[in-house]
């Protein structure tokens, strides 16, 4: 086993007999950026995760909300608390809340009652392409109703995990400016799925805008591309550009397992991250693989 200490800053667990996850239990698949995800429509629990990660020194994990039925999002925190007490993982949760819903105050208070909840994720309304961008869409980060809910995060000491295409990251920068006490963590590297020259230039410019705000960090994860193998060669520049823009002190590596098992096994992804960063100092690598997650998620 490689002795490097790792906190996997973004992973999921589910028991399909217990967890209310319609996107995994339905006979139909929802539209998904990696295509067919039928292979992950099965239980994925702590023993499964440990088997996948046996070649790495995983010392803790952060569980990301798994799109539990939003009728009762607090039920996921309740289930994860029991799982963590019994199995020792995950060490912290990021819970689901719809910040533009009328019941957001009650939902946030419900999550905050569980000591391992550190933050909230909602995927705001997003345009499908940069050309389709419309400002101030209902449900977007610029929606006044969304911002009313977002303002409540600080009251509960909660951070905000943001999953959205890169062409909305200027909105994240505005949000971070207006609410400087709330930590934002950009999920999945800002989703650089379009690997054309124009797509990558747009992505780089967008993450530069987000990185100007000190209360925005980023997770290097979820960088697989549909129907393409996950390789060091195809992802090296994405990883290095992200680190250059945000600095080693605001980057975290994460697996997005089991979701990213659709495109690669755990060893391929994390050995890839280790290879790409092999020339960084031990201090910088420790920050990105472990220490930043400890600080940002208060582990």
Protein backbone atom coordinates (compact mmCIF):
# COMPACT_ATOMS: atom_id res chain seq x y z
CA UNK A 1 0.00 0.00 0.00
CA UNK A 2 1.19 3.49 -0.82
CA UNK A 3 1.64 5.22 2.57
CA UNK A 4 0.49 8.68 1.37
CA UNK A 5 -2.46 9.72 3.53
CA UNK A 6 -5.59 10.46 1.51
CA UNK A 7 -8.92 11.98 2.41
CA UNK A 8 -11.31 11.21 -0.40
CA UNK A 9 -13.14 14.53 -0.49
CA UNK A 10 -16.10 13.40 -2.61
CA UNK A 11 -17.64 9.92 -2.59
CA UNK A 12 -21.04 8.25 -2.20
CA UNK A 13 -22.58 5.31 -0.36
CA UNK A 14 -25.96 3.73 -0.98
CA UNK A 15 -28.07 0.74 -0.05
CA UNK A 16 -30.77 0.50 -2.68
CA UNK A 17 -33.11 -1.40 -0.37
CA UNK A 18 -33.00 1.38 2.20
CA UNK A 19 -32.01 4.61 0.45
CA UNK A 20 -34.60 6.58 -1.50
CA UNK A 21 -32.62 7.22 -4.70
CA UNK A 22 -35.01 7.26 -7.67
CA UNK A 23 -32.27 7.78 -10.27
CA UNK A 24 -30.70 4.46 -9.20
CA UNK A 25 -33.79 2.39 -8.50
CA UNK A 26 -35.83 3.30 -11.58
CA UNK A 27 -35.77 1.03 -14.63
CA UNK A 28 -35.05 4.13 -16.70
CA UNK A 29 -31.77 6.05 -16.73
CA UNK A 30 -31.71 9.83 -16.46
CA UNK A 31 -29.48 11.87 -18.83
CA UNK A 32 -25.94 11.55 -17.49
CA UNK A 33 -22.66 13.09 -18.66
CA UNK A 34 -20.89 9.71 -18.74
CA UNK A 35 -23.69 8.00 -20.62
CA UNK A 36 -25.01 4.61 -19.47
CA UNK A 37 -24.64 4.27 -15.70
CA UNK A 38 -26.44 0.94 -15.28
CA UNK A 39 -23.27 -0.57 -13.81
CA UNK A 40 -23.64 1.47 -10.60
CA UNK A 41 -27.28 0.57 -9.99
CA UNK A 42 -26.30 -1.68 -7.10
CA UNK A 43 -25.41 -1.31 -3.44
CA UNK A 44 -22.17 0.49 -2.67
CA UNK A 45 -21.27 0.42 1.01
CA UNK A 46 -18.19 0.75 3.17
CA UNK A 47 -16.90 -2.77 2.47
CA UNK A 48 -17.24 -2.16 -1.27
CA UNK A 49 -15.39 1.13 -0.98
CA UNK A 50 -12.58 -0.40 1.06
CA UNK A 51 -12.17 -3.14 -1.54
CA UNK A 52 -11.87 -0.57 -4.33
CA UNK A 53 -9.34 1.50 -2.41
CA UNK A 54 -7.22 -1.26 -0.86
CA UNK A 55 -4.02 -0.08 -2.57
CA UNK A 56 -4.28 3.42 -1.08
CA UNK A 57 -4.07 4.80 2.45
CA UNK A 58 -7.57 6.26 2.74
CA UNK A 59 -7.80 7.72 6.22
CA UNK A 60 -11.19 9.41 5.87
CA UNK A 61 -13.87 10.40 3.38
CA UNK A 62 -16.40 13.14 2.75
CA UNK A 63 -19.76 11.82 1.59
CA UNK A 64 -21.54 13.88 -1.05
CA UNK A 65 -25.32 13.85 -1.18
CA UNK A 66 -26.43 11.22 -3.69
CA UNK A 67 -29.63 12.82 -5.02
CA UNK A 68 -31.88 11.33 -2.38
CA UNK A 69 -35.58 11.90 -3.00
CA UNK A 70 -35.95 15.63 -2.20
CA UNK A 71 -39.28 15.01 -0.49
CA UNK A 72 -37.25 14.20 2.64
CA UNK A 73 -33.57 15.12 2.14
CA UNK A 74 -32.81 15.00 5.87
CA UNK A 75 -33.43 11.23 5.77
CA UNK A 76 -30.08 10.83 4.01
CA UNK A 77 -28.22 12.49 6.90
CA UNK A 78 -30.07 10.25 9.32
CA UNK A 79 -29.06 7.13 7.35
CA UNK A 80 -25.43 8.24 6.96
CA UNK A 81 -25.11 8.94 10.68
CA UNK A 82 -26.04 5.34 11.45
CA UNK A 83 -23.66 4.08 8.76
CA UNK A 84 -20.76 6.14 10.08
CA UNK A 85 -21.39 5.06 13.66
CA UNK A 86 -21.38 1.41 12.62
CA UNK A 87 -18.62 1.41 9.98
CA UNK A 88 -16.35 4.38 10.70
CA UNK A 89 -17.00 6.04 7.35
CA UNK A 90 -17.82 8.58 6.11
CA UNK A 91 -16.16 11.11 8.37
CA UNK A 92 -18.31 14.01 7.21
CA UNK A 93 -21.34 14.62 5.00
CA UNK A 94 -22.40 17.23 2.50
CA UNK A 95 -26.19 17.14 2.56
CA UNK A 96 -28.90 17.98 0.06
CA UNK A 97 -31.00 21.13 0.36
CA UNK A 98 -32.89 23.13 -2.24
CA UNK A 99 -32.04 26.68 -1.32
CA UNK A 100 -34.91 28.18 -3.29
CA UNK A 101 -37.57 26.03 -1.62
CA UNK A 102 -40.01 27.40 0.94
CA UNK A 103 -38.96 24.78 3.51
CA UNK A 104 -35.23 25.46 3.24
CA UNK A 105 -34.94 26.82 6.78
CA UNK A 106 -36.41 23.64 8.27
CA UNK A 107 -34.30 21.40 6.02
CA UNK A 108 -31.07 23.18 6.95
CA UNK A 109 -31.91 23.01 10.64
CA UNK A 110 -32.67 19.31 10.23
CA UNK A 111 -29.31 18.60 8.61
CA UNK A 112 -27.41 20.80 11.05
CA UNK A 113 -28.71 18.70 13.94
CA UNK A 114 -26.39 15.90 12.78
CA UNK A 115 -22.81 16.62 13.91
CA UNK A 116 -21.15 15.17 10.80
CA UNK A 117 -22.97 17.46 8.36
CA UNK A 118 -20.49 20.06 7.16
CA UNK A 119 -22.16 21.58 4.14
CA UNK A 120 -24.91 21.59 1.57
CA UNK A 121 -25.02 20.85 -2.12
CA UNK A 122 -27.62 22.02 -4.58
CA UNK A 123 -27.03 21.92 -8.33
CA UNK A 124 -28.39 25.31 -9.41
CA UNK A 125 -30.27 25.84 -12.63
CA UNK A 126 -27.76 25.85 -15.49
CA UNK A 127 -27.73 26.50 -19.23
CA UNK A 128 -26.87 23.41 -21.32
CA UNK A 129 -24.12 25.23 -23.24
CA UNK A 130 -22.27 28.55 -22.96
CA UNK A 131 -24.24 29.87 -25.93
CA UNK A 132 -27.53 29.17 -24.12
CA UNK A 133 -26.58 31.14 -21.02
CA UNK A 134 -29.35 33.38 -19.70
CA UNK A 135 -28.67 35.56 -16.65
CA UNK A 136 -30.86 35.49 -13.56
CA UNK A 137 -32.69 32.25 -14.37
CA UNK A 138 -35.11 31.05 -11.66
CA UNK A 139 -33.24 28.50 -9.56
CA UNK A 140 -29.84 29.89 -10.55
CA UNK A 141 -27.27 31.39 -8.22
CA UNK A 142 -28.51 34.85 -9.16
CA UNK A 143 -32.14 34.09 -8.31
CA UNK A 144 -33.16 36.20 -5.27
CA UNK A 145 -35.02 33.22 -3.81
CA UNK A 146 -31.89 31.06 -4.06
CA UNK A 147 -29.85 33.78 -2.40
CA UNK A 148 -32.29 34.04 0.49
CA UNK A 149 -31.73 30.37 1.19
CA UNK A 150 -27.99 30.65 0.64
CA UNK A 151 -27.78 33.39 3.27
CA UNK A 152 -28.95 30.85 5.87
CA UNK A 153 -25.85 28.67 5.42
CA UNK A 154 -23.70 31.01 7.47
CA UNK A 155 -26.17 30.88 10.36
CA UNK A 156 -25.68 27.10 10.54
CA UNK A 157 -21.93 27.14 9.88
CA UNK A 158 -22.37 25.23 6.62
CA UNK A 159 -20.26 25.36 3.47
CA UNK A 160 -21.62 25.12 -0.07
CA UNK A 161 -20.60 22.48 -2.59
CA UNK A 162 -21.30 23.75 -6.09
CA UNK A 163 -21.69 21.46 -9.09
CA UNK A 164 -22.31 23.49 -12.23
CA UNK A 165 -20.78 23.86 -15.70
CA UNK A 166 -17.86 26.28 -15.90
CA UNK A 167 -19.84 28.91 -17.83
CA UNK A 168 -21.70 29.73 -14.61
CA UNK A 169 -18.61 30.17 -12.43
CA UNK A 170 -18.71 33.96 -12.74
CA UNK A 171 -21.99 33.70 -10.81
CA UNK A 172 -20.17 31.71 -8.14
CA UNK A 173 -17.63 34.52 -7.90
CA UNK A 174 -20.45 37.03 -7.35
CA UNK A 175 -21.98 34.77 -4.72
CA UNK A 176 -18.64 34.44 -2.95
CA UNK A 177 -18.20 38.21 -3.05
CA UNK A 178 -21.61 38.88 -1.55
CA UNK A 179 -21.31 36.15 1.12
CA UNK A 180 -17.60 36.13 2.04
CA UNK A 181 -18.05 34.12 5.24
CA UNK A 182 -19.43 31.07 3.39
CA UNK A 183 -16.95 28.61 1.91
CA UNK A 184 -17.72 27.46 -1.65
CA UNK A 185 -16.22 24.24 -3.01
CA UNK A 186 -16.45 23.82 -6.78
CA UNK A 187 -17.21 20.17 -7.59
CA UNK A 188 -15.63 18.11 -10.34
CA UNK A 189 -13.11 20.70 -11.47
CA UNK A 190 -15.79 22.89 -13.02
CA UNK A 191 -16.82 20.13 -15.45
CA UNK A 192 -14.28 20.53 -18.29
CA UNK A 193 -16.05 17.96 -20.47
CA UNK A 194 -15.51 19.82 -23.74
CA UNK A 195 -11.87 19.10 -24.55
CA UNK A 196 -11.79 21.21 -27.72
CA UNK A 197 -9.39 24.16 -27.71
CA UNK A 198 -12.30 26.59 -27.38
CA UNK A 199 -13.86 24.53 -24.60
CA UNK A 200 -10.66 24.33 -22.59
CA UNK A 201 -9.93 28.02 -23.02
CA UNK A 202 -13.40 28.85 -21.78
CA UNK A 203 -12.98 26.53 -18.80
CA UNK A 204 -9.57 27.98 -17.87
CA UNK A 205 -10.87 31.53 -18.01
CA UNK A 206 -13.87 30.57 -15.89
CA UNK A 207 -11.88 28.91 -13.13
CA UNK A 208 -9.55 31.93 -13.05
CA UNK A 209 -12.55 34.13 -12.29
CA UNK A 210 -13.68 31.81 -9.50
CA UNK A 211 -10.18 31.51 -8.04
CA UNK A 212 -9.97 35.27 -7.51
CA UNK A 213 -12.24 34.83 -4.48
CA UNK A 214 -10.40 33.46 -1.42
CA UNK A 215 -13.50 31.64 -0.14
CA UNK A 216 -13.72 29.41 -3.23
CA UNK A 217 -11.86 26.09 -3.32
CA UNK A 218 -12.05 23.30 -5.91
CA UNK A 219 -12.16 19.52 -6.01
CA UNK A 220 -10.14 17.80 -8.71
CA UNK A 221 -12.49 14.96 -9.50
CA UNK A 222 -15.08 13.90 -12.01
CA UNK A 223 -12.83 14.61 -15.01
CA UNK A 224 -13.68 11.50 -16.98
CA UNK A 225 -14.95 11.94 -20.53
CA UNK A 226 -17.80 9.92 -22.00
CA UNK A 227 -16.66 6.87 -23.99
CA UNK A 228 -12.96 7.69 -23.49
CA UNK A 229 -10.48 5.95 -21.18
CA UNK A 230 -9.25 7.86 -18.12
CA UNK A 231 -5.54 8.40 -18.76
CA UNK A 232 -2.78 10.54 -17.33
CA UNK A 233 -2.15 11.94 -20.79
CA UNK A 234 -5.75 13.08 -21.32
CA UNK A 235 -6.14 14.60 -17.85
CA UNK A 236 -2.68 15.89 -16.96
CA UNK A 237 -3.24 19.43 -18.21
CA UNK A 238 -6.65 19.69 -16.54
CA UNK A 239 -5.10 18.79 -13.20
CA UNK A 240 -2.02 21.00 -13.59
CA UNK A 241 -4.00 24.00 -14.83
CA UNK A 242 -6.40 23.69 -11.89
CA UNK A 243 -3.54 23.59 -9.39
CA UNK A 244 -1.80 26.53 -11.09
CA UNK A 245 -4.97 28.63 -10.95
CA UNK A 246 -6.17 27.80 -7.43
CA UNK A 247 -2.85 26.94 -5.79
CA UNK A 248 -2.14 23.74 -3.86
CA UNK A 249 -3.76 25.23 -0.75
CA UNK A 250 -7.25 25.32 -2.34
CA UNK A 251 -7.32 22.04 -4.31
CA UNK A 252 -8.57 18.67 -3.08
CA UNK A 253 -8.39 15.33 -4.86
CA UNK A 254 -11.47 13.13 -4.82
CA UNK A 255 -12.77 9.95 -6.45
CA UNK A 256 -16.49 10.56 -7.01
CA UNK A 257 -16.84 6.81 -6.42
CA UNK A 258 -18.76 4.78 -7.30
CA UNK A 259 -20.04 7.18 -9.96
CA UNK A 260 -16.68 7.55 -11.69
CA UNK A 261 -16.27 3.77 -11.75
CA UNK A 262 -18.29 4.13 -14.95
CA UNK A 263 -15.14 5.54 -16.60
CA UNK A 264 -12.24 4.06 -14.57
CA UNK A 265 -11.33 2.03 -11.50
CA UNK A 266 -10.10 3.73 -8.34
CA UNK A 267 -6.46 2.79 -8.91
CA UNK A 268 -6.45 4.34 -12.38
CA UNK A 269 -7.82 7.63 -11.07
CA UNK A 270 -5.74 8.00 -7.93
CA UNK A 271 -2.55 6.60 -9.38
CA UNK A 272 -3.13 9.10 -12.16
CA UNK A 273 -3.42 11.96 -9.67
CA UNK A 274 -0.26 10.79 -7.92
CA UNK A 275 1.68 10.51 -11.17
CA UNK A 276 0.62 13.94 -12.38
CA UNK A 277 1.68 15.57 -9.09
CA UNK A 278 4.89 13.58 -8.54
CA UNK A 279 7.11 16.65 -9.06
CA UNK A 280 5.29 18.74 -6.46
CA UNK A 281 6.76 19.08 -2.99
CA UNK A 282 5.65 16.72 -0.24
CA UNK A 283 4.04 19.68 1.50
CA UNK A 284 1.96 20.60 -1.54
CA UNK A 285 0.93 17.01 -2.21
CA UNK A 286 -0.08 16.48 1.40
CA UNK A 287 -2.24 19.59 1.23
CA UNK A 288 -4.06 18.44 -1.90
CA UNK A 289 -4.49 14.80 -0.93
CA UNK A 290 -5.22 15.30 2.78
CA UNK A 291 -4.71 18.56 4.67
CA UNK A 292 -7.02 20.84 2.70
CA UNK A 293 -9.93 18.46 3.21
CA UNK A 294 -9.21 18.43 6.95
CA UNK A 295 -9.33 22.22 7.03
CA UNK A 296 -12.20 22.88 4.64
CA UNK A 297 -14.49 20.10 5.91
CA UNK A 298 -13.36 20.48 9.55
CA UNK A 299 -12.40 16.85 9.98
